[in-house]
Protein backbone atom coordinates (compact mmCIF):
# COMPACT_ATOMS: atom_id res chain seq x y z
CA MET A 1 -13.45 66.12 -60.20
CA LYS A 2 -11.35 62.96 -60.52
CA GLN A 3 -13.22 61.31 -57.64
CA LEU A 4 -16.59 62.24 -59.15
CA ARG A 5 -15.52 60.89 -62.55
CA GLU A 6 -14.60 57.60 -60.91
CA GLN A 7 -17.96 57.48 -59.12
CA VAL A 8 -19.84 58.17 -62.34
CA LEU A 9 -17.83 55.53 -64.21
CA GLU A 10 -18.67 52.93 -61.55
CA ALA A 11 -22.35 53.92 -61.69
CA ASN A 12 -22.39 53.52 -65.49
CA LEU A 13 -20.79 50.09 -65.20
CA GLU A 14 -23.36 49.10 -62.57
CA VAL A 15 -26.28 49.64 -64.98
CA VAL A 16 -24.59 47.12 -67.28
CA ARG A 17 -24.05 44.63 -64.47
CA ARG A 18 -27.72 44.97 -63.49
CA GLY A 19 -28.90 44.28 -67.04
CA LEU A 20 -30.52 47.67 -67.63
CA VAL A 21 -28.77 48.52 -70.90
CA LEU A 22 -27.88 47.00 -74.26
CA TYR A 23 -24.78 48.02 -76.24
CA THR A 24 -24.27 51.76 -75.63
CA PHE A 25 -27.85 52.51 -74.51
CA GLY A 26 -28.32 54.68 -71.45
CA ASN A 27 -26.19 57.06 -69.42
CA VAL A 28 -25.42 58.09 -65.86
CA SER A 29 -24.25 61.48 -64.65
CA GLY A 30 -23.20 63.08 -61.39
CA ILE A 31 -22.89 66.69 -60.29
CA SER A 32 -20.51 68.80 -58.25
CA ARG A 33 -22.89 71.32 -56.71
CA GLU A 34 -19.96 73.37 -55.46
CA ASP A 35 -18.72 73.89 -59.01
CA ASN A 36 -22.01 73.54 -60.95
CA LEU A 37 -20.29 70.99 -63.16
CA VAL A 38 -21.81 67.77 -64.47
CA VAL A 39 -19.85 64.58 -65.22
CA ILE A 40 -21.56 62.34 -67.78
CA LYS A 41 -20.93 59.31 -69.94
CA PRO A 42 -19.52 60.04 -73.42
CA SER A 43 -21.81 59.44 -76.37
CA GLY A 44 -21.66 56.04 -78.05
CA VAL A 45 -18.63 54.67 -76.21
CA PRO A 46 -18.97 50.95 -75.35
CA TYR A 47 -19.14 50.37 -71.62
CA GLU A 48 -16.59 47.56 -71.65
CA ARG A 49 -13.80 49.86 -72.76
CA MET A 50 -14.88 53.05 -71.00
CA LYS A 51 -12.44 54.63 -68.50
CA ALA A 52 -12.81 57.45 -66.00
CA ASP A 53 -10.75 59.70 -68.27
CA ASP A 54 -13.30 59.16 -71.06
CA LEU A 55 -16.07 60.83 -69.06
CA VAL A 56 -17.02 64.38 -70.01
CA VAL A 57 -17.37 67.39 -67.71
CA ALA A 58 -19.82 70.11 -68.73
CA ASP A 59 -21.10 73.33 -67.17
CA PHE A 60 -24.74 74.32 -66.63
CA ASP A 61 -24.88 75.75 -70.15
CA GLY A 62 -23.94 72.38 -71.61
CA LYS A 63 -20.47 73.56 -72.60
CA VAL A 64 -17.76 70.92 -72.31
CA VAL A 65 -15.05 72.16 -69.93
CA TRP A 66 -13.03 68.94 -69.66
CA GLY A 67 -12.64 65.87 -71.85
CA GLU A 68 -11.96 65.10 -75.49
CA LEU A 69 -15.11 63.12 -76.30
CA ARG A 70 -18.64 64.29 -77.01
CA PRO A 71 -20.99 64.03 -74.03
CA SER A 72 -24.12 61.90 -74.00
CA SER A 73 -26.85 63.21 -76.26
CA ASP A 74 -29.09 63.39 -73.16
CA LEU A 75 -26.86 65.94 -71.41
CA ASP A 76 -29.38 68.79 -71.56
CA THR A 77 -32.06 66.61 -69.96
CA HIS A 78 -29.71 65.85 -67.07
CA ILE A 79 -28.78 69.53 -66.69
CA HIS A 80 -32.43 70.58 -66.56
CA LEU A 81 -33.12 68.02 -63.83
CA TYR A 82 -30.14 69.21 -61.79
CA LYS A 83 -31.29 72.81 -62.10
CA SER A 84 -34.89 71.96 -61.19
CA PHE A 85 -34.25 69.40 -58.43
CA PRO A 86 -31.50 70.81 -56.17
CA GLN A 87 -31.68 67.79 -53.85
CA ILE A 88 -30.32 65.35 -56.43
CA GLY A 89 -26.70 64.42 -57.08
CA GLY A 90 -27.03 61.79 -59.81
CA VAL A 91 -29.24 61.03 -62.81
CA VAL A 92 -29.58 57.82 -64.82
CA HIS A 93 -31.41 57.12 -68.07
CA THR A 94 -31.90 53.58 -69.34
CA HIS A 95 -34.00 51.72 -71.87
CA SER A 96 -34.78 48.89 -69.45
CA GLU A 97 -37.48 46.78 -71.05
CA HIS A 98 -40.36 46.79 -68.59
CA ALA A 99 -40.10 50.46 -67.67
CA VAL A 100 -39.92 51.31 -71.37
CA ALA A 101 -43.06 49.26 -71.99
CA TRP A 102 -44.97 51.44 -69.50
CA ALA A 103 -43.50 54.58 -71.12
CA GLN A 104 -44.52 53.39 -74.59
CA ALA A 105 -48.01 52.64 -73.31
CA CYS A 106 -48.05 56.18 -71.85
CA ARG A 107 -49.12 54.83 -68.48
CA PRO A 108 -47.82 55.66 -65.00
CA ILE A 109 -46.73 52.73 -62.86
CA PRO A 110 -49.23 52.50 -60.00
CA ALA A 111 -48.27 51.60 -56.46
CA LEU A 112 -49.58 48.03 -56.36
CA GLY A 113 -47.68 46.64 -53.40
CA THR A 114 -45.08 47.09 -50.72
CA THR A 115 -42.03 46.66 -52.96
CA HIS A 116 -43.13 49.76 -54.85
CA ALA A 117 -44.03 51.54 -51.60
CA ASP A 118 -40.57 50.96 -50.15
CA TYR A 119 -39.07 53.26 -52.78
CA PHE A 120 -41.79 55.31 -54.47
CA TYR A 121 -44.40 57.23 -52.49
CA GLY A 122 -47.15 56.82 -55.06
CA PRO A 123 -47.30 56.21 -58.81
CA VAL A 124 -44.24 56.71 -60.97
CA PRO A 125 -45.51 59.48 -63.27
CA ILE A 126 -45.67 59.50 -67.05
CA THR A 127 -44.90 62.74 -68.83
CA ARG A 128 -47.10 64.42 -71.37
CA GLU A 129 -46.19 63.81 -74.99
CA LEU A 130 -43.84 66.39 -76.46
CA THR A 131 -45.19 68.70 -79.10
CA ALA A 132 -43.87 68.64 -82.65
CA ASP A 133 -42.21 72.02 -82.07
CA GLU A 134 -40.47 70.74 -78.93
CA ILE A 135 -39.19 67.70 -80.78
CA ARG A 136 -37.90 69.77 -83.69
CA ASN A 137 -36.38 72.66 -81.77
CA ASP A 138 -35.01 71.67 -78.36
CA TYR A 139 -35.87 68.02 -77.92
CA VAL A 140 -33.40 67.06 -75.23
CA ARG A 141 -34.10 69.98 -72.90
CA ALA A 142 -37.85 69.64 -73.59
CA THR A 143 -37.62 66.08 -72.31
CA GLY A 144 -36.36 67.43 -69.00
CA VAL A 145 -39.08 70.08 -68.93
CA ALA A 146 -41.74 67.41 -69.48
CA ILE A 147 -40.36 65.47 -66.50
CA THR A 148 -40.40 68.48 -64.18
CA ASP A 149 -43.88 69.44 -65.43
CA ALA A 150 -45.09 65.97 -64.44
CA PHE A 151 -43.98 66.59 -60.86
CA GLY A 152 -45.41 70.06 -60.34
CA ASN A 153 -44.87 70.89 -56.66
CA ARG A 154 -44.25 67.28 -55.57
CA ASP A 155 -41.00 66.41 -53.84
CA PRO A 156 -38.90 64.62 -56.50
CA MET A 157 -37.17 62.59 -53.81
CA GLU A 158 -40.44 60.94 -52.78
CA VAL A 159 -40.75 59.42 -56.26
CA PRO A 160 -37.19 59.52 -57.66
CA ALA A 161 -38.09 58.51 -61.20
CA ALA A 162 -40.32 59.32 -64.15
CA LEU A 163 -41.32 57.76 -67.44
CA VAL A 164 -40.98 59.89 -70.57
CA ALA A 165 -43.90 59.16 -72.88
CA GLY A 166 -42.85 57.07 -75.85
CA HIS A 167 -39.24 57.06 -74.69
CA GLY A 168 -38.21 55.52 -71.39
CA PRO A 169 -37.28 55.97 -67.74
CA PHE A 170 -35.16 58.52 -65.94
CA ALA A 171 -34.25 58.05 -62.29
CA TRP A 172 -32.24 60.12 -59.84
CA GLY A 173 -30.81 60.06 -56.34
CA ARG A 174 -28.55 61.86 -53.91
CA THR A 175 -25.49 60.31 -55.59
CA PRO A 176 -24.87 58.58 -58.93
CA ASP A 177 -24.88 55.22 -57.14
CA ASP A 178 -28.18 56.07 -55.43
CA ALA A 179 -29.67 57.02 -58.81
CA VAL A 180 -28.68 53.65 -60.28
CA HIS A 181 -30.15 51.87 -57.25
CA ASN A 182 -33.46 53.62 -57.91
CA ALA A 183 -33.31 52.76 -61.62
CA VAL A 184 -32.80 49.07 -60.79
CA VAL A 185 -35.77 49.08 -58.41
CA LEU A 186 -37.86 50.99 -60.97
CA GLU A 187 -37.32 48.23 -63.52
CA ALA A 188 -38.23 45.61 -60.91
CA VAL A 189 -41.51 47.28 -59.94
CA ALA A 190 -42.35 47.89 -63.61
CA ARG A 191 -41.95 44.16 -64.24
CA MET A 192 -43.96 43.22 -61.14
CA ALA A 193 -46.75 45.60 -62.13
CA MET A 194 -47.00 44.01 -65.59
CA TYR A 195 -47.20 40.54 -64.05
CA THR A 196 -49.80 41.74 -61.56
CA PHE A 197 -52.07 43.18 -64.24
CA SER A 198 -51.69 40.02 -66.34
CA LEU A 199 -53.11 38.04 -63.41
CA GLN A 200 -55.57 40.63 -62.17
CA PRO A 201 -56.37 43.46 -64.63
CA ASN A 202 -58.40 45.25 -61.95
CA ALA A 203 -55.78 45.08 -59.20
CA PRO A 204 -56.72 47.88 -56.80
CA GLY A 205 -53.26 48.85 -55.65
CA VAL A 206 -51.78 49.25 -52.21
CA SER A 207 -53.84 51.03 -49.54
CA GLN A 208 -52.77 54.48 -48.35
CA ALA A 209 -52.11 53.04 -44.89
CA LEU A 210 -49.77 50.36 -46.27
CA LEU A 211 -48.10 52.84 -48.63
CA ASP A 212 -47.40 55.14 -45.68
CA ARG A 213 -46.20 52.30 -43.46
CA HIS A 214 -43.67 50.97 -45.95
CA TYR A 215 -42.45 54.26 -47.39
CA PHE A 216 -41.90 56.04 -44.09
CA ARG A 217 -40.20 53.07 -42.41
CA LYS A 218 -37.35 53.63 -44.91
CA HIS A 219 -37.50 57.39 -45.50
CA GLY A 220 -37.71 60.54 -43.43
CA ALA A 221 -37.02 61.46 -39.83
CA THR A 222 -38.96 58.51 -38.39
CA ALA A 223 -37.34 55.80 -40.57
CA THR A 224 -36.63 52.55 -38.71
CA TYR A 225 -35.33 50.31 -41.52
CA GLY A 226 -31.66 49.29 -41.44
CA GLN A 227 -28.98 50.21 -38.92
CA ALA A 228 -28.31 53.58 -37.33
CA GLU A 229 -25.17 55.30 -38.53
CA LYS A 230 -22.37 55.45 -35.94
């Protein structure tokens, strides 16, 4: 678990370097599927003094099995996503400004151009609003349930992010680093979409043909982008 803790620490520091968090906002986690253990940022610890040994290890019931600090308050959301999306190996939650603006407006981010299409195969979904009972009783897990409800039977790797209504973005990937990469791109496309609508409120969005062309050149068995692994 030491290697995973170091990976998760580096991923948490990367969200700071990329300007996605303020103060102690946000959190990144990673999972050991072999052990069903989740490594996550501790709650309220400033990034600039955080060390790998400060990270918290929890089981799938949310019980801390290693570490002296309290885990992120979003732990149960992360656990629900790991249970529901077996393909993922890392989860990141930020309060990045432009993605949060879409979440607060309760609007999905539409696929307006090829930058979006390179990473997200269609709109980034917005969740339903949580009920008063969900907020009072099991708010953090209910947040995860709302995210998985928004996907239904869709492949979560085709659109590796969601906006939680009134709250903010969650993103995921095959590793913690991959999840942060997707969170950075999510913020970029959220910003671009806002600029686009400010210039053209009726922007039609990218065509299905162009969406397919750009998404599948980077993803799937027929991907041609980048270099072949040796």
